[in-house]
C-alpha atoms as a PDB file:
ATOM      1  CA  MET A   1     -38.509 -83.184 -48.086  1.00  0.00           C
ATOM      2  CA  ASN A   2     -36.291 -86.296 -48.190  1.00  0.00           C
ATOM      3  CA  ARG A   3     -35.560 -85.666 -51.857  1.00  0.00           C
ATOM      4  CA  THR A   4     -34.458 -82.098 -51.013  1.00  0.00           C
ATOM      5  CA  ILE A   5     -32.135 -83.312 -48.257  1.00  0.00           C
ATOM      6  CA  VAL A   6     -30.628 -85.981 -50.515  1.00  0.00           C
ATOM      7  CA  THR A   7     -30.137 -83.410 -53.297  1.00  0.00           C
ATOM      8  CA  LEU A   8     -28.460 -80.971 -50.906  1.00  0.00           C
ATOM      9  CA  LEU A   9     -26.189 -83.703 -49.555  1.00  0.00           C
ATOM     10  CA  ALA A  10     -25.240 -84.727 -53.094  1.00  0.00           C
ATOM     11  CA  LEU A  11     -24.422 -81.110 -53.975  1.00  0.00           C
ATOM     12  CA  LEU A  12     -22.370 -80.657 -50.810  1.00  0.00           C
ATOM     13  CA  CYS A  13     -20.436 -83.853 -51.485  1.00  0.00           C
ATOM     14  CA  ALA A  14     -19.808 -82.804 -55.085  1.00  0.00           C
ATOM     15  CA  CYS A  15     -18.580 -79.374 -53.982  1.00  0.00           C
ATOM     16  CA  ALA A  16     -16.339 -80.898 -51.334  1.00  0.00           C
ATOM     17  CA  ALA A  17     -14.846 -83.256 -53.916  1.00  0.00           C
ATOM     18  CA  CYS A  18     -14.149 -80.301 -56.209  1.00  0.00           C
ATOM     19  CA  GLY A  19     -12.039 -78.699 -53.521  1.00  0.00           C
ATOM     20  CA  THR A  20      -9.889 -81.739 -52.761  1.00  0.00           C
ATOM     21  CA  GLU A  21      -7.546 -81.370 -55.720  1.00  0.00           C
ATOM     22  CA  PRO A  22      -4.617 -79.108 -54.872  1.00  0.00           C
ATOM     23  CA  VAL A  23      -4.006 -76.198 -57.200  1.00  0.00           C
ATOM     24  CA  LYS A  24      -1.216 -77.199 -59.578  1.00  0.00           C
ATOM     25  CA  ALA A  25       1.079 -74.715 -61.222  1.00  0.00           C
ATOM     26  CA  ASP A  26       0.878 -74.567 -64.991  1.00  0.00           C
ATOM     27  CA  PRO A  27       4.059 -76.360 -66.080  1.00  0.00           C
ATOM     28  CA  ALA A  28       4.997 -73.531 -68.410  1.00  0.00           C
ATOM     29  CA  SER A  29       4.739 -71.039 -65.534  1.00  0.00           C
ATOM     30  CA  LEU A  30       7.654 -72.782 -63.788  1.00  0.00           C
ATOM     31  CA  LEU A  31       9.967 -71.846 -66.638  1.00  0.00           C
ATOM     32  CA  LEU A  32      11.333 -68.412 -67.386  1.00  0.00           C
ATOM     33  CA  GLU A  33       9.871 -66.358 -70.209  1.00  0.00           C
ATOM     34  CA  PRO A  34      12.134 -64.435 -72.614  1.00  0.00           C
ATOM     35  CA  GLY A  35      11.044 -61.108 -71.099  1.00  0.00           C
ATOM     36  CA  GLN A  36      12.488 -62.168 -67.736  1.00  0.00           C
ATOM     37  CA  LEU A  37      15.988 -62.469 -69.225  1.00  0.00           C
ATOM     38  CA  LYS A  38      16.874 -58.809 -68.882  1.00  0.00           C
ATOM     39  CA  ASP A  39      20.363 -58.195 -70.155  1.00  0.00           C
ATOM     40  CA  GLY A  40      19.834 -55.887 -73.126  1.00  0.00           C
ATOM     41  CA  ARG A  41      19.492 -58.679 -75.676  1.00  0.00           C
ATOM     42  CA  THR A  42      16.325 -60.072 -77.216  1.00  0.00           C
ATOM     43  CA  TRP A  43      15.734 -63.695 -76.200  1.00  0.00           C
ATOM     44  CA  THR A  44      13.412 -66.189 -77.867  1.00  0.00           C
ATOM     45  CA  VAL A  45      12.255 -69.658 -76.849  1.00  0.00           C
ATOM     46  CA  ALA A  46      13.827 -72.305 -79.071  1.00  0.00           C
ATOM     47  CA  SER A  47      11.977 -75.244 -77.486  1.00  0.00           C
ATOM     48  CA  THR A  48      10.014 -76.274 -74.396  1.00  0.00           C
ATOM     49  CA  SER A  49       9.201 -79.745 -73.136  1.00  0.00           C
ATOM     50  CA  HIS A  50       8.467 -81.774 -70.023  1.00  0.00           C
ATOM     51  CA  GLY A  51       8.548 -85.312 -68.721  1.00  0.00           C
ATOM     52  CA  THR A  52      10.558 -87.021 -66.025  1.00  0.00           C
ATOM     53  CA  TRP A  53      14.204 -86.624 -65.100  1.00  0.00           C
ATOM     54  CA  ARG A  54      14.734 -89.962 -66.868  1.00  0.00           C
ATOM     55  CA  ASP A  55      13.377 -88.377 -70.096  1.00  0.00           C
ATOM     56  CA  LEU A  56      15.975 -85.589 -70.146  1.00  0.00           C
ATOM     57  CA  ASP A  57      18.233 -85.623 -73.170  1.00  0.00           C
ATOM     58  CA  GLU A  58      21.765 -86.518 -72.083  1.00  0.00           C
ATOM     59  CA  SER A  59      22.993 -83.044 -73.071  1.00  0.00           C
ATOM     60  CA  LEU A  60      20.656 -81.485 -70.469  1.00  0.00           C
ATOM     61  CA  VAL A  61      21.696 -83.715 -67.553  1.00  0.00           C
ATOM     62  CA  PRO A  62      23.941 -81.659 -65.238  1.00  0.00           C
ATOM     63  CA  CYS A  63      27.540 -82.885 -65.478  1.00  0.00           C
ATOM     64  CA  GLY A  64      26.190 -86.018 -67.166  1.00  0.00           C
ATOM     65  CA  LYS A  65      25.159 -87.350 -63.732  1.00  0.00           C
ATOM     66  CA  ARG A  66      21.527 -88.520 -63.613  1.00  0.00           C
ATOM     67  CA  VAL A  67      21.812 -89.463 -59.911  1.00  0.00           C
ATOM     68  CA  ILE A  68      21.439 -85.782 -58.956  1.00  0.00           C
ATOM     69  CA  VAL A  69      17.618 -86.011 -59.080  1.00  0.00           C
ATOM     70  CA  PRO A  70      15.310 -89.058 -58.722  1.00  0.00           C
ATOM     71  CA  MET A  71      14.503 -90.526 -62.151  1.00  0.00           C
ATOM     72  CA  GLU A  72      10.720 -90.193 -61.676  1.00  0.00           C
ATOM     73  CA  ALA A  73      10.857 -86.476 -60.765  1.00  0.00           C
ATOM     74  CA  THR A  74       8.575 -84.298 -62.877  1.00  0.00           C
ATOM     75  CA  THR A  75      10.841 -82.148 -65.025  1.00  0.00           C
ATOM     76  CA  TRP A  76      10.412 -79.210 -67.412  1.00  0.00           C
ATOM     77  CA  TRP A  77      13.037 -77.768 -69.704  1.00  0.00           C
ATOM     78  CA  ARG A  78      13.293 -74.827 -72.062  1.00  0.00           C
ATOM     79  CA  SER A  79      15.975 -73.652 -74.477  1.00  0.00           C
ATOM     80  CA  PHE A  80      16.521 -69.997 -75.318  1.00  0.00           C
ATOM     81  CA  THR A  81      18.544 -68.179 -77.959  1.00  0.00           C
ATOM     82  CA  ALA A  82      19.572 -64.533 -77.961  1.00  0.00           C
ATOM     83  CA  THR A  83      19.988 -62.224 -80.929  1.00  0.00           C
ATOM     84  CA  ASP A  84      23.787 -62.504 -80.655  1.00  0.00           C
ATOM     85  CA  GLY A  85      23.678 -66.322 -80.857  1.00  0.00           C
ATOM     86  CA  THR A  86      24.040 -66.986 -77.129  1.00  0.00           C
ATOM     87  CA  ALA A  87      22.162 -70.144 -76.134  1.00  0.00           C
ATOM     88  CA  MET A  88      20.866 -71.177 -72.726  1.00  0.00           C
ATOM     89  CA  THR A  89      18.784 -73.995 -71.274  1.00  0.00           C
ATOM     90  CA  GLN A  90      16.747 -74.066 -68.083  1.00  0.00           C
ATOM     91  CA  VAL A  91      15.791 -77.330 -66.371  1.00  0.00           C
ATOM     92  CA  VAL A  92      13.365 -77.438 -63.429  1.00  0.00           C
ATOM     93  CA  ALA A  93      12.797 -80.652 -61.458  1.00  0.00           C
ATOM     94  CA  SER A  94       9.703 -80.384 -59.277  1.00  0.00           C
ATOM     95  CA  GLY A  95       8.499 -82.266 -56.216  1.00  0.00           C
ATOM     96  CA  VAL A  96      12.018 -83.196 -55.141  1.00  0.00           C
ATOM     97  CA  ASP A  97      14.110 -82.685 -52.033  1.00  0.00           C
ATOM     98  CA  ALA A  98      15.733 -79.588 -53.527  1.00  0.00           C
ATOM     99  CA  MET A  99      18.441 -79.400 -50.860  1.00  0.00           C
ATOM    100  CA  ASN A 100      19.420 -83.017 -51.515  1.00  0.00           C
ATOM    101  CA  ALA A 101      19.585 -82.397 -55.280  1.00  0.00           C
ATOM    102  CA  PHE A 102      21.629 -79.251 -54.632  1.00  0.00           C
ATOM    103  CA  LYS A 103      24.119 -81.258 -52.536  1.00  0.00           C
ATOM    104  CA  PHE A 104      24.254 -84.059 -55.125  1.00  0.00           C
ATOM    105  CA  PHE A 105      24.947 -81.447 -57.829  1.00  0.00           C
ATOM    106  CA  TYR A 106      27.895 -80.149 -55.798  1.00  0.00           C
ATOM    107  CA  ALA A 107      29.318 -83.629 -55.165  1.00  0.00           C
ATOM    108  CA  GLU A 108      28.690 -85.177 -58.588  1.00  0.00           C
ATOM    109  CA  CYS A 109      29.799 -82.165 -60.613  1.00  0.00           C
ATOM    110  CA  GLY A 110      32.817 -81.758 -58.338  1.00  0.00           C
ATOM    111  CA  ALA A 111      33.845 -85.286 -59.314  1.00  0.00           C
ATOM    112  CA  VAL A 112      34.115 -84.301 -63.003  1.00  0.00           C
ATOM    113  CA  GLY A 113      35.247 -80.679 -62.680  1.00  0.00           C
ATOM    114  CA  THR A 114      35.189 -77.805 -60.218  1.00  0.00           C
ATOM    115  CA  VAL A 115      32.250 -76.395 -58.270  1.00  0.00           C
ATOM    116  CA  THR A 116      32.021 -73.012 -56.599  1.00  0.00           C
ATOM    117  CA  SER A 117      29.278 -72.091 -54.136  1.00  0.00           C
ATOM    118  CA  THR A 118      27.950 -68.538 -54.032  1.00  0.00           C
ATOM    119  CA  VAL A 119      25.193 -66.654 -52.249  1.00  0.00           C
ATOM    120  CA  GLY A 120      21.660 -67.314 -53.360  1.00  0.00           C
ATOM    121  CA  PRO A 121      22.533 -70.153 -52.842  1.00  0.00           C
ATOM    122  CA  LYS A 122      23.950 -71.212 -56.170  1.00  0.00           C
ATOM    123  CA  ASN A 123      26.503 -73.837 -57.193  1.00  0.00           C
ATOM    124  CA  ILE A 124      28.534 -73.112 -60.320  1.00  0.00           C
ATOM    125  CA  ALA A 125      30.010 -76.194 -61.996  1.00  0.00           C
ATOM    126  CA  ARG A 126      32.742 -75.999 -64.613  1.00  0.00           C
ATOM    127  CA  HIS A 127      33.691 -79.113 -66.565  1.00  0.00           C
ATOM    128  CA  ASP A 128      34.687 -80.025 -70.099  1.00  0.00           C
ATOM    129  CA  GLY A 129      34.488 -76.369 -71.167  1.00  0.00           C
ATOM    130  CA  GLU A 130      30.892 -76.049 -69.928  1.00  0.00           C
ATOM    131  CA  VAL A 131      29.325 -74.012 -67.143  1.00  0.00           C
ATOM    132  CA  GLU A 132      26.176 -75.066 -65.283  1.00  0.00           C
ATOM    133  CA  VAL A 133      24.555 -73.134 -62.450  1.00  0.00           C
ATOM    134  CA  ALA A 134      22.278 -74.865 -59.942  1.00  0.00           C
ATOM    135  CA  ALA A 135      19.821 -73.164 -57.614  1.00  0.00           C
ATOM    136  CA  MET A 136      16.831 -74.298 -55.601  1.00  0.00           C
ATOM    137  CA  SER A 137      13.437 -73.050 -54.555  1.00  0.00           C
ATOM    138  CA  LYS A 138      11.050 -74.821 -52.180  1.00  0.00           C
ATOM    139  CA  ASP A 139      10.641 -78.308 -53.650  1.00  0.00           C
ATOM    140  CA  ARG A 140      12.206 -77.454 -56.992  1.00  0.00           C
ATOM    141  CA  PHE A 141      15.741 -77.842 -58.302  1.00  0.00           C
ATOM    142  CA  ILE A 142      16.910 -75.543 -61.105  1.00  0.00           C
ATOM    143  CA  VAL A 143      19.862 -75.797 -63.491  1.00  0.00           C
ATOM    144  CA  LEU A 144      20.827 -73.236 -66.116  1.00  0.00           C
ATOM    145  CA  ALA A 145      23.546 -73.891 -68.662  1.00  0.00           C
ATOM    146  CA  GLY A 146      24.665 -72.287 -71.863  1.00  0.00           C
ATOM    147  CA  THR A 147      27.168 -70.289 -73.803  1.00  0.00           C
ATOM    148  CA  GLY A 148      26.714 -67.109 -71.754  1.00  0.00           C
ATOM    149  CA  SER A 149      29.169 -65.943 -69.138  1.00  0.00           C
ATOM    150  CA  ASP A 150      29.252 -67.303 -65.596  1.00  0.00           C
ATOM    151  CA  THR A 151      27.858 -63.979 -64.388  1.00  0.00           C
ATOM    152  CA  GLU A 152      24.920 -64.077 -66.812  1.00  0.00           C
ATOM    153  CA  LEU A 153      24.037 -67.658 -65.917  1.00  0.00           C
ATOM    154  CA  GLN A 154      24.197 -66.845 -62.199  1.00  0.00           C
ATOM    155  CA  ARG A 155      21.941 -63.826 -62.680  1.00  0.00           C
ATOM    156  CA  PHE A 156      19.412 -65.867 -64.687  1.00  0.00           C
ATOM    157  CA  ALA A 157      19.552 -68.665 -62.070  1.00  0.00           C
ATOM    158  CA  GLU A 158      18.686 -66.096 -59.401  1.00  0.00           C
ATOM    159  CA  THR A 159      15.832 -64.811 -61.584  1.00  0.00           C
ATOM    160  CA  ALA A 160      14.576 -68.397 -61.968  1.00  0.00           C
ATOM    161  CA  ARG A 161      14.830 -69.043 -58.223  1.00  0.00           C
ATOM    162  CA  THR A 162      12.946 -65.900 -57.227  1.00  0.00           C
ATOM    163  CA  HIS A 163      10.366 -66.566 -59.962  1.00  0.00           C
ATOM    164  CA  LEU A 164       9.698 -70.055 -58.573  1.00  0.00           C
ATOM    165  CA  ASP A 165       9.288 -68.625 -55.066  1.00  0.00           C
ATOM    166  CA  THR A 166       6.123 -66.930 -56.375  1.00  0.00           C
ATOM    167  CA  VAL A 167       4.652 -70.035 -58.070  1.00  0.00           C
ATOM    168  CA  PRO A 168       2.578 -72.349 -55.830  1.00  0.00           C
ATOM    169  CA  SER A 169       3.858 -75.905 -55.346  1.00  0.00           C
END
């Protein structure tokens, strides 16, 4: 009888421990897939990676200002190319104060160029001939940049934001 009780307690403890880990989103699921970029062109993934904000290649850092997001923030990035040669990158920083990052984007990018705020909300930064669009979702900060038009980047940023609203934190 005692052995049965001990066995049951051990099983209950093991099951309880199994349930303590929160469900984590698959890192790739945070990033857009080519099929979500609906604009009449065929898009392909050129590269995908992840690390921390500190690990981001300088060319992916919005406005060249690393202070926008904490250095240790978990970050994913993906580059896309379209059949017409258009290129775009998506960067997602997770587990951050997204509103703070959004405000930092506005301030820091405004210091090196111009920033326009639009509904969504989205901030569109223009500097050195480049366009970067920032958006946010829950505890995630999103930046899209590329050779597409402002309108395309804004539309894809909105797609990324609404996509992340469906992915658990």
